[in-house]
Amino acid sequence: MNALAATFPQLETERLVLREFRLDEADRAALFRIFSDGRVTRFYNLKTFTEPDEAQRLLTKRHDRFWQGRGVRWAIVPRGQDELIGSCGFNELNYKKKVGELGYELARPYWQRGIMTEAVSAIISYGLAHLPMERIEAWVMPQNRASANLLLKLGFQSEGVLERKGYWDGRFHDLELFSLLAEQWNL
């Protein structure tokens, strides 16, 4: 049984609809376009996609994670459109410790428009109100200042850099830990 909800929680903001990933060609193709852009994946813990099957596997993983009660990831869609342009959500939920791990990405044509700030604000509000979370964490490569600035803007605090914390693409990576406690959220 899913500890999150009986149905996927669709969220709406002024400019966006945050919906469930669909296991269809449209979402697969959009996810492939996003993750086949090396500038999007530059600070991501996976390689830039070269095959559509990679997008299908990620799509299925994100869809299944919710239905297994392990996390929730929303597809970001502009209002009035139906093409996903990114995603955000809680990759992992630790129910015992009441901690959620935040993750997000956005197609490059939509960068620097405040879209991710709007989307992440909505999911933080939802998560703190409806999920058993007292703390939200986000891991960011220190070179990814755009992501760090987004988190700081939303009230997260840096807890410092952990050297060689991450390992992917055949090498270790330093990661900066950001956190937000439930009582610090005021947006």
Protein backbone atom coordinates (compact mmCIF):
# COMPACT_ATOMS: atom_id res chain seq x y z
CA MET A 1 0.00 0.00 0.00
CA ASN A 2 1.24 3.48 -0.84
CA ALA A 3 1.95 5.55 2.26
CA LEU A 4 1.72 8.74 0.21
CA ALA A 5 -1.86 8.78 -1.13
CA ALA A 6 -4.48 6.68 -2.89
CA THR A 7 -4.25 8.95 -5.94
CA PHE A 8 -1.41 11.02 -7.30
CA PRO A 9 -1.60 14.60 -5.92
CA GLN A 10 -1.83 17.01 -8.86
CA LEU A 11 -0.76 20.55 -7.89
CA GLU A 12 -1.40 23.84 -9.67
CA THR A 13 0.35 27.18 -9.43
CA GLU A 14 -0.17 30.44 -11.24
CA ARG A 15 1.71 29.27 -14.35
CA LEU A 16 2.15 25.52 -13.91
CA VAL A 17 0.46 22.18 -13.50
CA LEU A 18 2.45 19.61 -11.55
CA ARG A 19 1.10 16.21 -12.53
CA GLU A 20 1.91 12.53 -12.48
CA PHE A 21 4.32 11.18 -15.07
CA ARG A 22 2.48 9.27 -17.78
CA LEU A 23 3.95 6.13 -19.28
CA ASP A 24 3.29 7.33 -22.81
CA GLU A 25 5.28 8.39 -25.85
CA ALA A 26 4.80 12.12 -25.21
CA ASP A 27 6.32 12.07 -21.70
CA ARG A 28 9.07 9.68 -22.80
CA ALA A 29 10.02 11.91 -25.74
CA ALA A 30 9.98 15.06 -23.59
CA LEU A 31 12.11 13.41 -20.89
CA PHE A 32 14.56 12.26 -23.54
CA ARG A 33 14.85 15.82 -24.94
CA ILE A 34 15.55 17.18 -21.44
CA PHE A 35 18.13 14.56 -20.45
CA SER A 36 19.87 14.45 -23.83
CA ASP A 37 21.00 18.05 -23.24
CA GLY A 38 24.47 17.99 -21.70
CA ARG A 39 23.95 21.38 -20.06
CA VAL A 40 20.95 19.99 -18.16
CA THR A 41 22.82 16.88 -17.04
CA ARG A 42 26.12 18.63 -16.31
CA PHE A 43 25.52 18.53 -12.55
CA TYR A 44 23.27 15.48 -12.52
CA ASN A 45 24.08 12.04 -11.16
CA LEU A 46 23.52 10.31 -14.48
CA LYS A 47 25.00 10.45 -17.94
CA THR A 48 23.48 12.50 -20.75
CA PHE A 49 20.96 10.32 -22.57
CA THR A 50 21.82 9.02 -26.02
CA GLU A 51 19.06 6.41 -26.39
CA PRO A 52 15.27 6.79 -25.93
CA ASP A 53 15.24 3.62 -23.79
CA GLU A 54 17.14 5.55 -21.10
CA ALA A 55 14.25 8.00 -20.86
CA GLN A 56 11.74 5.14 -20.68
CA ARG A 57 13.61 3.56 -17.77
CA LEU A 58 13.73 6.88 -15.87
CA LEU A 59 10.07 7.55 -16.62
CA THR A 60 9.06 4.13 -15.30
CA LYS A 61 11.27 4.53 -12.22
CA ARG A 62 9.73 7.89 -11.34
CA HIS A 63 6.21 6.62 -11.93
CA ASP A 64 6.74 3.46 -9.89
CA ARG A 65 8.48 5.22 -6.99
CA PHE A 66 5.24 6.98 -6.10
CA TRP A 67 3.08 3.85 -6.33
CA GLN A 68 5.58 2.00 -4.16
CA GLY A 69 5.35 4.75 -1.51
CA ARG A 70 9.06 5.59 -1.70
CA GLY A 71 8.97 9.11 -3.15
CA VAL A 72 7.01 11.48 -5.32
CA ARG A 73 8.18 13.26 -8.45
CA TRP A 74 5.95 15.67 -10.36
CA ALA A 75 6.09 16.35 -14.09
CA ILE A 76 6.18 20.14 -14.63
CA VAL A 77 3.81 21.31 -17.38
CA PRO A 78 2.98 24.94 -18.30
CA ARG A 79 -0.72 25.74 -17.82
CA GLY A 80 -2.64 25.37 -21.04
CA GLN A 81 -0.05 22.99 -22.51
CA ASP A 82 0.55 19.30 -22.03
CA GLU A 83 4.28 18.91 -22.71
CA LEU A 84 6.43 18.27 -19.70
CA ILE A 85 9.34 20.71 -19.38
CA GLY A 86 10.98 19.33 -16.25
CA SER A 87 10.25 17.71 -12.94
CA CYS A 88 10.67 18.17 -9.23
CA GLY A 89 9.88 16.14 -6.17
CA PHE A 90 11.08 14.06 -3.29
CA ASN A 91 13.36 11.34 -4.64
CA GLU A 92 13.39 9.54 -1.33
CA LEU A 93 11.19 9.75 1.74
CA ASN A 94 12.48 8.46 5.07
CA TYR A 95 9.31 8.03 7.12
CA LYS A 96 11.13 7.08 10.32
CA LYS A 97 13.34 10.20 10.30
CA LYS A 98 10.69 12.38 8.57
CA VAL A 99 13.17 13.52 5.90
CA GLY A 100 12.57 14.08 2.20
CA GLU A 101 15.30 14.41 -0.41
CA LEU A 102 14.55 17.10 -2.98
CA GLY A 103 15.46 16.84 -6.66
CA TYR A 104 14.62 18.76 -9.82
CA GLU A 105 15.57 19.52 -13.42
CA LEU A 106 14.26 21.82 -16.11
CA ALA A 107 14.60 21.96 -19.90
CA ARG A 108 17.09 24.65 -20.86
CA PRO A 109 14.65 26.86 -22.86
CA TYR A 110 12.78 27.46 -19.56
CA TRP A 111 15.76 28.44 -17.41
CA GLN A 112 15.83 31.82 -15.63
CA ARG A 113 12.07 32.38 -15.76
CA GLY A 114 11.27 31.59 -12.12
CA ILE A 115 9.61 28.32 -13.11
CA MET A 116 11.60 26.09 -10.78
CA THR A 117 11.15 28.51 -7.88
CA GLU A 118 7.37 28.35 -8.45
CA ALA A 119 7.32 24.56 -8.81
CA VAL A 120 9.58 23.75 -5.86
CA SER A 121 7.68 26.19 -3.63
CA ALA A 122 4.47 24.31 -4.40
CA ILE A 123 5.91 20.88 -3.68
CA ILE A 124 7.57 22.02 -0.45
CA SER A 125 4.24 23.41 0.75
CA TYR A 126 2.52 20.18 -0.22
CA GLY A 127 5.21 18.00 1.32
CA LEU A 128 5.26 19.78 4.66
CA ALA A 129 1.46 19.82 4.87
CA HIS A 130 0.70 16.29 3.66
CA LEU A 131 3.78 14.12 4.06
CA PRO A 132 5.48 13.15 7.30
CA MET A 133 8.43 15.52 6.83
CA GLU A 134 10.20 17.70 9.32
CA ARG A 135 13.30 18.20 7.18
CA ILE A 136 13.97 18.51 3.47
CA GLU A 137 17.47 17.94 2.12
CA ALA A 138 19.02 18.69 -1.26
CA TRP A 139 22.46 17.63 -2.48
CA VAL A 140 24.15 19.96 -4.97
CA MET A 141 27.51 19.87 -6.70
CA PRO A 142 29.42 22.94 -5.40
CA GLN A 143 29.93 24.23 -8.96
CA ASN A 144 26.15 24.36 -9.54
CA ARG A 145 25.59 27.87 -8.20
CA ALA A 146 22.22 28.25 -9.97
CA SER A 147 20.82 25.33 -7.97
CA ALA A 148 22.41 26.55 -4.73
CA ASN A 149 20.95 30.03 -5.30
CA LEU A 150 17.48 28.55 -5.88
CA LEU A 151 17.65 26.68 -2.58
CA LEU A 152 18.96 29.71 -0.67
CA LYS A 153 16.17 31.84 -2.17
CA LEU A 154 13.64 29.31 -0.85
CA GLY A 155 15.08 29.46 2.68
CA PHE A 156 17.39 26.44 2.67
CA GLN A 157 20.63 26.63 4.63
CA SER A 158 23.95 25.22 3.50
CA GLU A 159 25.32 22.63 5.91
CA GLY A 160 28.64 22.46 4.09
CA VAL A 161 30.42 20.43 1.45
CA LEU A 162 31.00 16.71 1.91
CA GLU A 163 34.05 15.68 -0.03
CA ARG A 164 33.63 12.67 -2.31
CA LYS A 165 30.06 12.11 -1.07
CA GLY A 166 28.68 11.14 -4.49
CA TYR A 167 29.87 8.55 -6.95
CA TRP A 168 28.67 8.33 -10.54
CA ASP A 169 30.04 8.33 -14.05
CA GLY A 170 33.08 6.42 -12.78
CA ARG A 171 34.31 9.04 -10.32
CA PHE A 172 33.69 10.66 -6.94
CA HIS A 173 32.04 14.07 -6.58
CA ASP A 174 31.91 16.59 -3.75
CA LEU A 175 28.36 17.51 -2.75
CA GLU A 176 27.00 20.44 -0.76
CA LEU A 177 24.14 19.62 1.59
CA PHE A 178 21.25 22.09 1.88
CA SER A 179 18.42 21.70 4.36
CA LEU A 180 15.11 23.26 5.24
CA LEU A 181 13.28 22.51 8.49
CA ALA A 182 9.49 22.58 8.58
CA GLU A 183 9.40 25.56 10.97
CA GLN A 184 11.66 27.56 8.62
CA TRP A 185 9.21 27.37 5.72
CA ASN A 186 7.33 30.63 5.26
CA LEU A 187 6.47 30.92 1.56
